Amino acid sequence: MNLTDLLDRFRATATAVNPTGFFMFGLPEDKNVDSANIGGTHAAPKKPYPQIYVELARENIKMKDGDVADTFVIIFVAQDKPDSATDRRDPAIFNREQLTSDMRNLAHSFLDYFYENNDDLSLGDAAEATPEQRMLIGLGTGYSVQFDVLGKLNCI
């Protein structure tokens, strides 16, 4: 299966589990977040949250037998506030905990849906997940998940 077909499957999964959110292949550069994605004084219309980003992190090719493992990172982002306090007593911190929990739940829903609806794909045995706080120049808090899609050279 080629990359475009895989991205279509990721997009379909994102639409199913996050129908009012935003999906994108790749991440905006931090310097372009205001104008490219999040919204700002001279920006395109603000994209809705939660947001789901997919990146192809790496490809491992075994040349002898043609086995390929594409490692994808899926990032789930809820809107946070830049320059919010870091004091645990501040309500913004408790809000960040809730945002992280919500994006963890969205990540789990995404994985469940993707695995259940793409049983023709060979997927790695495990996914690795990481909480992400104050990313995208402090405007997003969420969760990232990394896993492998397995195939043959020229078949992924």
N, C-alpha and C. Protein backbone atom coordinates (compact mmCIF):
# COMPACT_ATOMS: atom_id res chain seq x y z
N MET A 1 0.85 -1.17 0.00
CA MET A 1 0.00 0.00 0.00
C MET A 1 0.90 1.24 0.00
N ASN A 2 0.55 2.23 -0.78
CA ASN A 2 1.38 3.42 -0.83
C ASN A 2 0.98 4.43 0.25
N LEU A 3 1.81 5.47 0.39
CA LEU A 3 1.61 6.45 1.45
C LEU A 3 0.27 7.17 1.33
N THR A 4 -0.12 7.53 0.12
CA THR A 4 -1.38 8.23 -0.09
C THR A 4 -2.57 7.39 0.39
N ASP A 5 -2.55 6.10 0.10
CA ASP A 5 -3.63 5.22 0.56
C ASP A 5 -3.67 5.13 2.09
N LEU A 6 -2.49 5.04 2.70
CA LEU A 6 -2.45 5.01 4.17
C LEU A 6 -2.97 6.32 4.76
N LEU A 7 -2.58 7.44 4.18
CA LEU A 7 -3.07 8.73 4.69
C LEU A 7 -4.58 8.84 4.54
N ASP A 8 -5.13 8.30 3.46
CA ASP A 8 -6.59 8.29 3.30
C ASP A 8 -7.25 7.49 4.42
N ARG A 9 -6.63 6.40 4.81
CA ARG A 9 -7.18 5.59 5.92
C ARG A 9 -7.07 6.34 7.25
N PHE A 10 -5.94 7.02 7.47
CA PHE A 10 -5.81 7.83 8.68
C PHE A 10 -6.85 8.96 8.68
N ARG A 11 -7.04 9.59 7.54
CA ARG A 11 -8.02 10.68 7.42
C ARG A 11 -9.43 10.16 7.72
N ALA A 12 -9.78 9.01 7.17
CA ALA A 12 -11.10 8.42 7.41
C ALA A 12 -11.29 8.11 8.89
N THR A 13 -10.25 7.61 9.53
CA THR A 13 -10.31 7.31 10.96
C THR A 13 -10.48 8.60 11.76
N ALA A 14 -9.71 9.63 11.41
CA ALA A 14 -9.82 10.92 12.10
C ALA A 14 -11.23 11.49 11.97
N THR A 15 -11.81 11.39 10.79
CA THR A 15 -13.17 11.90 10.57
C THR A 15 -14.18 11.12 11.39
N ALA A 16 -13.97 9.81 11.52
CA ALA A 16 -14.91 8.98 12.27
C ALA A 16 -14.87 9.28 13.77
N VAL A 17 -13.69 9.48 14.33
CA VAL A 17 -13.58 9.66 15.78
C VAL A 17 -13.56 11.12 16.21
N ASN A 18 -13.35 12.04 15.26
CA ASN A 18 -13.23 13.46 15.56
C ASN A 18 -13.90 14.26 14.44
N PRO A 19 -15.21 14.07 14.24
CA PRO A 19 -15.88 14.62 13.06
C PRO A 19 -15.89 16.14 12.94
N THR A 20 -15.77 16.86 14.04
CA THR A 20 -15.78 18.32 13.96
C THR A 20 -14.38 18.91 14.10
N GLY A 21 -13.36 18.06 14.19
CA GLY A 21 -11.99 18.52 14.38
C GLY A 21 -11.26 18.74 13.07
N PHE A 22 -9.95 18.79 13.14
CA PHE A 22 -9.07 19.10 12.02
C PHE A 22 -8.05 17.99 11.86
N PHE A 23 -7.73 17.61 10.61
CA PHE A 23 -6.74 16.58 10.30
C PHE A 23 -5.73 17.15 9.32
N MET A 24 -4.45 16.79 9.53
CA MET A 24 -3.41 17.26 8.62
C MET A 24 -2.25 16.29 8.60
N PHE A 25 -1.65 16.08 7.42
CA PHE A 25 -0.40 15.33 7.31
C PHE A 25 0.73 16.31 7.57
N GLY A 26 1.59 15.98 8.52
CA GLY A 26 2.69 16.86 8.90
C GLY A 26 2.26 17.81 9.99
N LEU A 27 3.21 18.59 10.48
CA LEU A 27 2.96 19.58 11.52
C LEU A 27 3.33 20.96 11.01
N PRO A 28 2.59 22.00 11.40
CA PRO A 28 3.03 23.34 11.03
C PRO A 28 4.31 23.68 11.79
N GLU A 29 5.19 24.45 11.17
CA GLU A 29 6.37 24.91 11.87
C GLU A 29 5.93 25.89 12.94
N ASP A 30 6.62 25.89 14.09
CA ASP A 30 6.22 26.78 15.18
C ASP A 30 6.11 28.23 14.73
N LYS A 31 7.03 28.69 13.89
CA LYS A 31 6.98 30.10 13.48
C LYS A 31 5.77 30.39 12.61
N ASN A 32 5.17 29.35 12.02
CA ASN A 32 4.02 29.54 11.15
C ASN A 32 2.70 29.13 11.79
N VAL A 33 2.72 28.77 13.05
CA VAL A 33 1.51 28.29 13.69
C VAL A 33 0.40 29.33 13.62
N ASP A 34 0.70 30.58 13.96
CA ASP A 34 -0.35 31.61 13.94
C ASP A 34 -0.99 31.77 12.58
N SER A 35 -0.18 31.82 11.52
CA SER A 35 -0.75 32.09 10.21
C SER A 35 -1.19 30.83 9.48
N ALA A 36 -0.55 29.70 9.75
CA ALA A 36 -0.84 28.50 8.97
C ALA A 36 -1.95 27.65 9.55
N ASN A 37 -2.14 27.71 10.86
CA ASN A 37 -3.06 26.73 11.41
C ASN A 37 -3.94 27.25 12.54
N ILE A 38 -3.38 27.89 13.49
CA ILE A 38 -4.10 28.17 14.73
C ILE A 38 -5.00 29.39 14.60
N GLY A 39 -4.61 30.34 13.82
CA GLY A 39 -5.38 31.57 13.71
C GLY A 39 -4.61 32.70 14.35
N GLY A 40 -4.78 33.88 13.86
CA GLY A 40 -4.06 35.02 14.41
C GLY A 40 -4.54 36.29 13.74
N THR A 41 -3.78 37.37 13.89
CA THR A 41 -4.23 38.66 13.40
C THR A 41 -4.33 38.70 11.88
N HIS A 42 -3.46 38.00 11.17
CA HIS A 42 -3.50 38.00 9.71
C HIS A 42 -3.57 36.57 9.19
N ALA A 43 -4.31 35.73 9.88
CA ALA A 43 -4.33 34.31 9.56
C ALA A 43 -5.57 33.91 8.78
N ALA A 44 -5.47 32.76 8.18
CA ALA A 44 -6.64 32.12 7.59
C ALA A 44 -7.59 31.76 8.73
N PRO A 45 -8.82 31.37 8.43
CA PRO A 45 -9.74 31.00 9.51
C PRO A 45 -9.14 29.95 10.43
N LYS A 46 -9.40 30.11 11.70
CA LYS A 46 -8.88 29.21 12.72
C LYS A 46 -9.40 27.79 12.49
N LYS A 47 -8.53 26.81 12.63
CA LYS A 47 -8.91 25.41 12.47
C LYS A 47 -9.52 24.91 13.78
N PRO A 48 -10.55 24.07 13.68
CA PRO A 48 -11.22 23.60 14.90
C PRO A 48 -10.38 22.59 15.70
N TYR A 49 -10.65 22.55 16.97
CA TYR A 49 -10.03 21.57 17.87
C TYR A 49 -11.06 20.52 18.22
N PRO A 50 -10.62 19.33 18.60
CA PRO A 50 -9.26 18.82 18.63
C PRO A 50 -8.69 18.67 17.22
N GLN A 51 -7.35 18.69 17.17
CA GLN A 51 -6.65 18.55 15.90
C GLN A 51 -5.84 17.26 15.92
N ILE A 52 -5.78 16.60 14.76
CA ILE A 52 -5.02 15.36 14.63
C ILE A 52 -4.01 15.55 13.50
N TYR A 53 -2.74 15.31 13.82
CA TYR A 53 -1.65 15.42 12.85
C TYR A 53 -1.01 14.05 12.67
N VAL A 54 -0.68 13.71 11.44
CA VAL A 54 -0.01 12.45 11.14
C VAL A 54 1.33 12.76 10.50
N GLU A 55 2.38 12.12 10.99
CA GLU A 55 3.70 12.26 10.41
C GLU A 55 4.29 10.88 10.15
N LEU A 56 4.95 10.73 9.01
CA LEU A 56 5.75 9.54 8.74
C LEU A 56 7.10 9.81 9.36
N ALA A 57 7.40 9.14 10.47
CA ALA A 57 8.61 9.42 11.24
C ALA A 57 9.85 8.79 10.61
N ARG A 58 9.70 7.55 10.14
CA ARG A 58 10.85 6.86 9.54
C ARG A 58 10.35 5.62 8.81
N GLU A 59 11.24 5.11 7.98
CA GLU A 59 10.95 3.88 7.25
C GLU A 59 12.15 2.97 7.41
N ASN A 60 11.91 1.75 7.84
CA ASN A 60 12.97 0.77 8.02
C ASN A 60 12.82 -0.28 6.91
N ILE A 61 13.82 -0.36 6.02
CA ILE A 61 13.76 -1.27 4.88
C ILE A 61 14.84 -2.34 5.03
N LYS A 62 14.41 -3.60 5.00
CA LYS A 62 15.36 -4.72 4.98
C LYS A 62 15.58 -5.09 3.52
N MET A 63 16.70 -4.68 2.98
CA MET A 63 16.95 -4.83 1.55
C MET A 63 16.97 -6.29 1.09
N LYS A 64 17.44 -7.19 1.95
CA LYS A 64 17.57 -8.59 1.54
C LYS A 64 16.22 -9.23 1.23
N ASP A 65 15.21 -8.99 2.07
CA ASP A 65 13.91 -9.64 1.84
C ASP A 65 12.79 -8.66 1.46
N GLY A 66 13.10 -7.35 1.43
CA GLY A 66 12.10 -6.37 1.00
C GLY A 66 11.06 -6.00 2.04
N ASP A 67 11.26 -6.42 3.30
CA ASP A 67 10.33 -6.03 4.35
C ASP A 67 10.48 -4.55 4.68
N VAL A 68 9.35 -3.88 4.89
CA VAL A 68 9.35 -2.46 5.20
C VAL A 68 8.48 -2.23 6.44
N ALA A 69 8.98 -1.39 7.34
CA ALA A 69 8.18 -0.95 8.49
C ALA A 69 8.14 0.57 8.46
N ASP A 70 6.96 1.13 8.21
CA ASP A 70 6.77 2.58 8.25
C ASP A 70 6.30 2.95 9.64
N THR A 71 7.05 3.82 10.30
CA THR A 71 6.69 4.28 11.64
C THR A 71 5.96 5.61 11.52
N PHE A 72 4.74 5.64 11.99
CA PHE A 72 3.92 6.86 11.98
C PHE A 72 3.77 7.39 13.39
N VAL A 73 3.74 8.71 13.50
CA VAL A 73 3.42 9.38 14.75
C VAL A 73 2.12 10.14 14.51
N ILE A 74 1.14 9.87 15.35
CA ILE A 74 -0.15 10.56 15.29
C ILE A 74 -0.23 11.44 16.53
N ILE A 75 -0.47 12.73 16.33
CA ILE A 75 -0.49 13.68 17.43
C ILE A 75 -1.90 14.26 17.57
N PHE A 76 -2.43 14.20 18.77
CA PHE A 76 -3.78 14.66 19.10
C PHE A 76 -3.65 15.92 19.95
N VAL A 77 -4.21 17.03 19.50
CA VAL A 77 -3.98 18.32 20.14
C VAL A 77 -5.30 18.98 20.53
N ALA A 78 -5.34 19.42 21.80
CA ALA A 78 -6.44 20.26 22.29
C ALA A 78 -5.88 21.65 22.49
N GLN A 79 -6.74 22.66 22.41
CA GLN A 79 -6.28 24.04 22.55
C GLN A 79 -5.91 24.34 23.99
N ASP A 80 -4.70 24.86 24.17
CA ASP A 80 -4.20 25.29 25.48
C ASP A 80 -4.01 26.79 25.40
N LYS A 81 -3.52 27.38 26.48
CA LYS A 81 -3.28 28.82 26.50
C LYS A 81 -1.78 29.06 26.61
N PRO A 82 -1.21 29.88 25.72
CA PRO A 82 0.21 30.17 25.84
C PRO A 82 0.50 30.95 27.11
N ASP A 83 1.68 30.75 27.63
CA ASP A 83 2.13 31.47 28.83
C ASP A 83 1.23 31.25 30.03
N SER A 84 0.52 30.12 30.07
CA SER A 84 -0.29 29.83 31.26
C SER A 84 0.65 29.44 32.40
N ALA A 85 0.15 29.56 33.58
CA ALA A 85 0.96 29.34 34.78
C ALA A 85 1.46 27.91 34.87
N THR A 86 2.55 27.73 35.58
CA THR A 86 3.07 26.38 35.82
C THR A 86 2.89 25.96 37.27
N ASP A 87 2.28 26.81 38.09
CA ASP A 87 2.00 26.50 39.48
C ASP A 87 0.85 25.50 39.54
N ARG A 88 1.06 24.38 40.21
CA ARG A 88 0.05 23.32 40.26
C ARG A 88 -1.26 23.79 40.90
N ARG A 89 -1.23 24.86 41.68
CA ARG A 89 -2.45 25.36 42.30
C ARG A 89 -3.28 26.18 41.33
N ASP A 90 -2.69 26.57 40.21
CA ASP A 90 -3.40 27.39 39.23
C ASP A 90 -4.43 26.54 38.49
N PRO A 91 -5.67 27.05 38.31
CA PRO A 91 -6.70 26.28 37.59
C PRO A 91 -6.29 25.90 36.18
N ALA A 92 -5.42 26.68 35.54
CA ALA A 92 -4.98 26.35 34.17
C ALA A 92 -4.25 25.01 34.14
N ILE A 93 -3.54 24.68 35.22
CA ILE A 93 -2.83 23.39 35.28
C ILE A 93 -3.83 22.25 35.32
N PHE A 94 -4.88 22.41 36.13
CA PHE A 94 -5.88 21.36 36.19
C PHE A 94 -6.59 21.23 34.85
N ASN A 95 -6.78 22.34 34.15
CA ASN A 95 -7.35 22.31 32.81
C ASN A 95 -6.41 21.53 31.87
N ARG A 96 -5.11 21.73 31.99
CA ARG A 96 -4.15 21.02 31.15
C ARG A 96 -4.21 19.52 31.43
N GLU A 97 -4.41 19.15 32.67
CA GLU A 97 -4.56 17.73 33.00
C GLU A 97 -5.79 17.16 32.32
N GLN A 98 -6.89 17.92 32.31
CA GLN A 98 -8.11 17.47 31.64
C GLN A 98 -7.90 17.38 30.13
N LEU A 99 -7.21 18.37 29.55
CA LEU A 99 -6.93 18.34 28.12
C LEU A 99 -6.10 17.11 27.75
N THR A 100 -5.09 16.81 28.56
CA THR A 100 -4.26 15.63 28.31
C THR A 100 -5.10 14.36 28.40
N SER A 101 -5.95 14.28 29.39
CA SER A 101 -6.82 13.12 29.54
C SER A 101 -7.78 12.98 28.36
N ASP A 102 -8.36 14.10 27.92
CA ASP A 102 -9.28 14.07 26.78
C ASP A 102 -8.56 13.60 25.51
N MET A 103 -7.33 14.08 25.29
CA MET A 103 -6.59 13.70 24.09
C MET A 103 -6.10 12.25 24.18
N ARG A 104 -5.85 11.79 25.40
CA ARG A 104 -5.52 10.37 25.59
C ARG A 104 -6.71 9.51 25.17
N ASN A 105 -7.89 9.91 25.60
CA ASN A 105 -9.11 9.16 25.21
C ASN A 105 -9.33 9.20 23.70
N LEU A 106 -9.09 10.36 23.08
CA LEU A 106 -9.22 10.46 21.63
C LEU A 106 -8.20 9.58 20.93
N ALA A 107 -6.98 9.54 21.44
CA ALA A 107 -5.95 8.68 20.86
C ALA A 107 -6.36 7.21 20.93
N HIS A 108 -6.90 6.81 22.07
CA HIS A 108 -7.35 5.42 22.22
C HIS A 108 -8.50 5.11 21.26
N SER A 109 -9.42 6.05 21.12
CA SER A 109 -10.53 5.84 20.17
C SER A 109 -10.01 5.73 18.74
N PHE A 110 -9.04 6.57 18.39
CA PHE A 110 -8.43 6.52 17.07
C PHE A 110 -7.81 5.16 16.81
N LEU A 111 -6.98 4.70 17.76
CA LEU A 111 -6.31 3.40 17.60
C LEU A 111 -7.32 2.26 17.49
N ASP A 112 -8.32 2.27 18.37
CA ASP A 112 -9.35 1.22 18.32
C ASP A 112 -10.02 1.19 16.96
N TYR A 113 -10.43 2.35 16.48
CA TYR A 113 -11.14 2.43 15.19
C TYR A 113 -10.22 2.00 14.05
N PHE A 114 -8.98 2.50 14.06
CA PHE A 114 -8.05 2.18 12.98
C PHE A 114 -7.76 0.68 12.93
N TYR A 115 -7.49 0.08 14.07
CA TYR A 115 -7.18 -1.35 14.11
C TYR A 115 -8.39 -2.19 13.71
N GLU A 116 -9.58 -1.81 14.15
CA GLU A 116 -10.79 -2.57 13.83
C GLU A 116 -11.20 -2.47 12.37
N ASN A 117 -10.90 -1.35 11.73
CA ASN A 117 -11.38 -1.11 10.37
C ASN A 117 -10.31 -1.24 9.29
N ASN A 118 -9.14 -1.73 9.66
CA ASN A 118 -8.06 -1.90 8.70
C ASN A 118 -7.37 -3.23 8.92
N ASP A 119 -8.17 -4.28 9.10
CA ASP A 119 -7.59 -5.58 9.40
C ASP A 119 -6.84 -6.19 8.22
N ASP A 120 -6.92 -5.57 7.04
CA ASP A 120 -6.13 -6.04 5.91
C ASP A 120 -4.68 -5.55 5.97
N LEU A 121 -4.39 -4.61 6.88
CA LEU A 121 -3.03 -4.11 7.05
C LEU A 121 -2.29 -4.95 8.09
N SER A 122 -0.99 -5.05 7.91
CA SER A 122 -0.14 -5.66 8.93
C SER A 122 0.39 -4.53 9.79
N LEU A 123 0.03 -4.56 11.06
CA LEU A 123 0.43 -3.50 11.98
C LEU A 123 1.38 -4.05 13.02
N GLY A 124 2.24 -3.20 13.55
CA GLY A 124 3.15 -3.61 14.60
C GLY A 124 2.40 -4.11 15.82
N ASP A 125 3.10 -4.83 16.67
CA ASP A 125 2.47 -5.44 17.84
C ASP A 125 2.08 -4.44 18.92
N ALA A 126 2.74 -3.28 18.96
CA ALA A 126 2.49 -2.34 20.06
C ALA A 126 2.54 -0.90 19.54
N ALA A 127 1.87 -0.03 20.26
CA ALA A 127 1.94 1.41 20.00
C ALA A 127 2.55 2.06 21.23
N GLU A 128 3.35 3.09 21.02
CA GLU A 128 3.95 3.82 22.12
C GLU A 128 3.29 5.19 22.20
N ALA A 129 2.82 5.57 23.39
CA ALA A 129 2.09 6.83 23.55
C ALA A 129 2.82 7.73 24.55
N THR A 130 2.72 9.05 24.31
CA THR A 130 3.40 10.04 25.15
C THR A 130 2.52 11.26 25.33
N PRO A 131 2.32 11.73 26.58
CA PRO A 131 1.63 13.00 26.77
C PRO A 131 2.49 14.14 26.21
N GLU A 132 1.85 15.13 25.61
CA GLU A 132 2.54 16.28 25.04
C GLU A 132 1.90 17.54 25.61
N GLN A 133 2.71 18.38 26.28
CA GLN A 133 2.13 19.58 26.88
C GLN A 133 2.79 20.83 26.33
N ARG A 134 1.95 21.83 26.09
CA ARG A 134 2.38 23.16 25.64
C ARG A 134 3.21 23.10 24.37
N MET A 135 2.76 22.30 23.40
CA MET A 135 3.43 22.25 22.11
C MET A 135 2.83 23.29 21.17
N LEU A 136 3.35 23.40 19.99
CA LEU A 136 2.89 24.41 19.01
C LEU A 136 2.90 25.79 19.65
N ILE A 137 4.07 26.21 20.06
CA ILE A 137 4.34 27.47 20.77
C ILE A 137 3.38 27.71 21.94
N GLY A 138 3.09 26.65 22.65
CA GLY A 138 2.28 26.76 23.86
C GLY A 138 0.78 26.75 23.62
N LEU A 139 0.35 26.60 22.37
CA LEU A 139 -1.08 26.66 22.07
C LEU A 139 -1.78 25.31 22.12
N GLY A 140 -1.02 24.23 22.28
CA GLY A 140 -1.65 22.92 22.25
C GLY A 140 -1.11 21.99 23.32
N THR A 141 -2.00 21.19 23.86
CA THR A 141 -1.64 20.13 24.79
C THR A 141 -2.35 18.88 24.30
N GLY A 142 -1.68 17.74 24.41
CA GLY A 142 -2.32 16.54 23.91
C GLY A 142 -1.57 15.26 24.16
N TYR A 143 -1.57 14.43 23.14
CA TYR A 143 -1.06 13.07 23.24
C TYR A 143 -0.50 12.67 21.90
N SER A 144 0.61 11.94 21.89
CA SER A 144 1.12 11.41 20.63
C SER A 144 1.23 9.89 20.73
N VAL A 145 0.99 9.24 19.60
CA VAL A 145 1.05 7.78 19.53
C VAL A 145 1.93 7.41 18.34
N GLN A 146 2.81 6.45 18.55
CA GLN A 146 3.71 5.99 17.49
C GLN A 146 3.51 4.49 17.28
N PHE A 147 3.36 4.08 16.01
CA PHE A 147 3.24 2.66 15.72
C PHE A 147 3.70 2.38 14.29
N ASP A 148 3.89 1.09 13.98
CA ASP A 148 4.41 0.67 12.68
C ASP A 148 3.31 0.06 11.81
N VAL A 149 3.41 0.36 10.51
CA VAL A 149 2.63 -0.32 9.48
C VAL A 149 3.64 -1.13 8.68
N LEU A 150 3.41 -2.44 8.58
CA LEU A 150 4.38 -3.36 7.96
C LEU A 150 3.97 -3.72 6.56
N GLY A 151 4.94 -3.95 5.68
CA GLY A 151 4.64 -4.34 4.32
C GLY A 151 5.88 -4.80 3.59
N LYS A 152 5.80 -4.80 2.29
CA LYS A 152 6.90 -5.18 1.42
C LYS A 152 7.32 -3.97 0.60
N LEU A 153 8.57 -3.93 0.22
CA LEU A 153 9.09 -2.85 -0.61
C LEU A 153 8.23 -2.71 -1.87
N ASN A 154 7.86 -1.48 -2.21
CA ASN A 154 6.98 -1.15 -3.34
C ASN A 154 5.54 -1.59 -3.15
N CYS A 155 5.20 -2.07 -1.96
CA CYS A 155 3.81 -2.49 -1.70
C CYS A 155 3.14 -1.63 -0.65
N ILE A 156 3.90 -0.89 0.14
CA ILE A 156 3.29 -0.05 1.19
C ILE A 156 2.78 1.21 0.57
